[in-house]
């Protein structure tokens, strides 16, 4: 199982980014997959997750109303559309696959929100 994040970068406050997690070695219906983020010295924070059957999507309070999670089954990718970004959204963003208690992580993509 391999997860590779992309789409990070620098953006001004109020701007938008779309992150993508390219997934290989699994099918979406076998794993729950989600996005997390972590600032240096901080805890890894869950942002949004989609269930293996695709029927349930959950958002953390910090993501509700601004972030949208959606799958691209044709590309086997999980995307996170992030709008109205603020400086406190600056972090490394990670994708995680979860099955039967086993976790699989990508290496992350850096998002910087600043003037």
C-alpha atoms as a PDB file:
ATOM      1  CA  UNK A   1       0.000   0.000   0.000  1.00  0.00           C
ATOM      2  CA  UNK A   2       1.348   3.394  -0.990  1.00  0.00           C
ATOM      3  CA  UNK A   3      -0.098   6.845  -0.455  1.00  0.00           C
ATOM      4  CA  UNK A   4       1.476   9.908  -2.064  1.00  0.00           C
ATOM      5  CA  UNK A   5       0.274  13.405  -1.239  1.00  0.00           C
ATOM      6  CA  UNK A   6       0.552  16.377  -3.568  1.00  0.00           C
ATOM      7  CA  UNK A   7      -0.905  19.841  -4.037  1.00  0.00           C
ATOM      8  CA  UNK A   8       0.680  21.661  -1.135  1.00  0.00           C
ATOM      9  CA  UNK A   9       2.294  25.060  -1.496  1.00  0.00           C
ATOM     10  CA  UNK A  10       2.119  28.655  -0.405  1.00  0.00           C
ATOM     11  CA  UNK A  11      -1.079  30.662  -0.492  1.00  0.00           C
ATOM     12  CA  UNK A  12      -2.283  33.954   0.913  1.00  0.00           C
ATOM     13  CA  UNK A  13      -4.951  34.098   3.631  1.00  0.00           C
ATOM     14  CA  UNK A  14      -8.376  33.574   2.128  1.00  0.00           C
ATOM     15  CA  UNK A  15      -6.962  31.484  -0.674  1.00  0.00           C
ATOM     16  CA  UNK A  16      -7.614  27.891  -1.698  1.00  0.00           C
ATOM     17  CA  UNK A  17      -5.665  24.729  -2.356  1.00  0.00           C
ATOM     18  CA  UNK A  18      -6.613  21.251  -3.467  1.00  0.00           C
ATOM     19  CA  UNK A  19      -4.615  18.408  -2.011  1.00  0.00           C
ATOM     20  CA  UNK A  20      -4.560  15.007  -3.619  1.00  0.00           C
ATOM     21  CA  UNK A  21      -3.660  11.621  -2.185  1.00  0.00           C
ATOM     22  CA  UNK A  22      -2.758   9.110  -4.869  1.00  0.00           C
ATOM     23  CA  UNK A  23      -3.398   5.603  -3.619  1.00  0.00           C
ATOM     24  CA  UNK A  24      -1.877   2.423  -4.966  1.00  0.00           C
ATOM     25  CA  UNK A  25      -1.939  -1.130  -3.737  1.00  0.00           C
ATOM     26  CA  UNK A  26      -5.495  -1.042  -2.504  1.00  0.00           C
ATOM     27  CA  UNK A  27      -9.042  -0.446  -3.546  1.00  0.00           C
ATOM     28  CA  UNK A  28     -11.052   2.237  -1.850  1.00  0.00           C
ATOM     29  CA  UNK A  29     -13.666  -0.212  -0.653  1.00  0.00           C
ATOM     30  CA  UNK A  30     -11.070  -1.976   1.496  1.00  0.00           C
ATOM     31  CA  UNK A  31      -9.875   0.980   3.560  1.00  0.00           C
ATOM     32  CA  UNK A  32     -11.073   4.035   5.370  1.00  0.00           C
ATOM     33  CA  UNK A  33      -8.946   6.941   4.134  1.00  0.00           C
ATOM     34  CA  UNK A  34      -8.525  10.370   5.551  1.00  0.00           C
ATOM     35  CA  UNK A  35      -6.523  13.567   5.766  1.00  0.00           C
ATOM     36  CA  UNK A  36      -4.581  14.745   8.798  1.00  0.00           C
ATOM     37  CA  UNK A  37      -2.250  17.641   9.476  1.00  0.00           C
ATOM     38  CA  UNK A  38       0.562  18.411  11.860  1.00  0.00           C
ATOM     39  CA  UNK A  39       2.408  21.558  12.820  1.00  0.00           C
ATOM     40  CA  UNK A  40       6.004  21.338  14.075  1.00  0.00           C
ATOM     41  CA  UNK A  41       6.007  20.231  17.678  1.00  0.00           C
ATOM     42  CA  UNK A  42       2.278  19.598  17.649  1.00  0.00           C
ATOM     43  CA  UNK A  43      -0.040  16.614  17.613  1.00  0.00           C
ATOM     44  CA  UNK A  44      -1.285  15.153  14.366  1.00  0.00           C
ATOM     45  CA  UNK A  45      -4.824  16.400  13.859  1.00  0.00           C
ATOM     46  CA  UNK A  46      -7.553  14.514  12.001  1.00  0.00           C
ATOM     47  CA  UNK A  47      -9.341  16.673   9.428  1.00  0.00           C
ATOM     48  CA  UNK A  48     -11.622  14.470   7.407  1.00  0.00           C
ATOM     49  CA  UNK A  49     -12.161  10.807   6.683  1.00  0.00           C
ATOM     50  CA  UNK A  50     -14.254   8.745   4.310  1.00  0.00           C
ATOM     51  CA  UNK A  51     -15.462   5.270   5.179  1.00  0.00           C
ATOM     52  CA  UNK A  52     -14.432   2.282   3.087  1.00  0.00           C
ATOM     53  CA  UNK A  53     -17.872   2.066   1.489  1.00  0.00           C
ATOM     54  CA  UNK A  54     -17.803   5.776   0.685  1.00  0.00           C
ATOM     55  CA  UNK A  55     -21.116   6.400   2.423  1.00  0.00           C
ATOM     56  CA  UNK A  56     -19.809   8.359   5.389  1.00  0.00           C
ATOM     57  CA  UNK A  57     -17.584  11.413   5.449  1.00  0.00           C
ATOM     58  CA  UNK A  58     -16.611  13.059   8.707  1.00  0.00           C
ATOM     59  CA  UNK A  59     -15.058  16.477   9.272  1.00  0.00           C
ATOM     60  CA  UNK A  60     -13.279  17.954  12.242  1.00  0.00           C
ATOM     61  CA  UNK A  61     -14.667  21.243  13.511  1.00  0.00           C
ATOM     62  CA  UNK A  62     -11.616  23.009  12.091  1.00  0.00           C
ATOM     63  CA  UNK A  63     -12.505  21.698   8.612  1.00  0.00           C
ATOM     64  CA  UNK A  64     -16.287  22.012   8.550  1.00  0.00           C
ATOM     65  CA  UNK A  65     -17.584  24.577   6.102  1.00  0.00           C
ATOM     66  CA  UNK A  66     -14.162  25.199   4.540  1.00  0.00           C
ATOM     67  CA  UNK A  67     -12.784  21.819   3.492  1.00  0.00           C
ATOM     68  CA  UNK A  68     -14.420  19.249   1.225  1.00  0.00           C
ATOM     69  CA  UNK A  69     -13.297  15.649   0.896  1.00  0.00           C
ATOM     70  CA  UNK A  70     -14.030  13.729  -2.254  1.00  0.00           C
ATOM     71  CA  UNK A  71     -12.828  10.631  -4.049  1.00  0.00           C
ATOM     72  CA  UNK A  72     -11.720  10.407  -7.637  1.00  0.00           C
ATOM     73  CA  UNK A  73     -12.245   6.724  -8.320  1.00  0.00           C
ATOM     74  CA  UNK A  74     -10.968   7.012 -11.887  1.00  0.00           C
ATOM     75  CA  UNK A  75      -7.603   8.215 -10.581  1.00  0.00           C
ATOM     76  CA  UNK A  76      -7.718   6.225  -7.340  1.00  0.00           C
ATOM     77  CA  UNK A  77      -7.188   9.432  -5.437  1.00  0.00           C
ATOM     78  CA  UNK A  78      -8.652  11.127  -2.408  1.00  0.00           C
ATOM     79  CA  UNK A  79      -8.816  14.906  -2.696  1.00  0.00           C
ATOM     80  CA  UNK A  80      -9.197  17.609  -0.093  1.00  0.00           C
ATOM     81  CA  UNK A  81     -10.447  20.958  -1.353  1.00  0.00           C
ATOM     82  CA  UNK A  82      -9.461  23.649   1.120  1.00  0.00           C
ATOM     83  CA  UNK A  83     -11.008  27.113   0.950  1.00  0.00           C
ATOM     84  CA  UNK A  84     -10.740  30.248   3.070  1.00  0.00           C
ATOM     85  CA  UNK A  85      -7.315  29.210   4.290  1.00  0.00           C
ATOM     86  CA  UNK A  86      -5.856  31.028   7.248  1.00  0.00           C
ATOM     87  CA  UNK A  87      -2.342  31.235   8.713  1.00  0.00           C
ATOM     88  CA  UNK A  88      -3.240  28.676  11.386  1.00  0.00           C
ATOM     89  CA  UNK A  89      -3.877  26.160   8.600  1.00  0.00           C
ATOM     90  CA  UNK A  90      -0.137  26.117   7.969  1.00  0.00           C
ATOM     91  CA  UNK A  91       1.017  22.541   8.519  1.00  0.00           C
ATOM     92  CA  UNK A  92       2.189  19.362   6.863  1.00  0.00           C
ATOM     93  CA  UNK A  93      -0.844  17.518   5.528  1.00  0.00           C
ATOM     94  CA  UNK A  94      -0.893  13.725   5.505  1.00  0.00           C
ATOM     95  CA  UNK A  95      -3.066  11.047   3.997  1.00  0.00           C
ATOM     96  CA  UNK A  96      -3.795   7.878   5.964  1.00  0.00           C
ATOM     97  CA  UNK A  97      -5.299   4.519   5.072  1.00  0.00           C
ATOM     98  CA  UNK A  98      -6.833   2.414   7.837  1.00  0.00           C
ATOM     99  CA  UNK A  99      -7.887  -1.220   7.837  1.00  0.00           C
ATOM    100  CA  UNK A 100      -8.353  -3.585  10.753  1.00  0.00           C
ATOM    101  CA  UNK A 101      -6.389  -1.274  13.001  1.00  0.00           C
ATOM    102  CA  UNK A 102      -3.383  -1.063  10.685  1.00  0.00           C
ATOM    103  CA  UNK A 103      -2.392   2.426   9.553  1.00  0.00           C
ATOM    104  CA  UNK A 104      -0.611   3.456   6.380  1.00  0.00           C
ATOM    105  CA  UNK A 105       0.707   6.975   5.986  1.00  0.00           C
ATOM    106  CA  UNK A 106       2.014   9.084   3.167  1.00  0.00           C
ATOM    107  CA  UNK A 107       5.034  11.364   3.596  1.00  0.00           C
ATOM    108  CA  UNK A 108       2.982  14.534   3.622  1.00  0.00           C
ATOM    109  CA  UNK A 109       2.734  17.770   1.694  1.00  0.00           C
ATOM    110  CA  UNK A 110       3.488  21.189   3.158  1.00  0.00           C
ATOM    111  CA  UNK A 111       0.896  23.963   3.166  1.00  0.00           C
ATOM    112  CA  UNK A 112       1.944  27.496   4.080  1.00  0.00           C
ATOM    113  CA  UNK A 113      -0.613  30.254   4.481  1.00  0.00           C
ATOM    114  CA  UNK A 114       0.923  33.711   4.825  1.00  0.00           C
ATOM    115  CA  UNK A 115       0.951  37.202   3.354  1.00  0.00           C
END
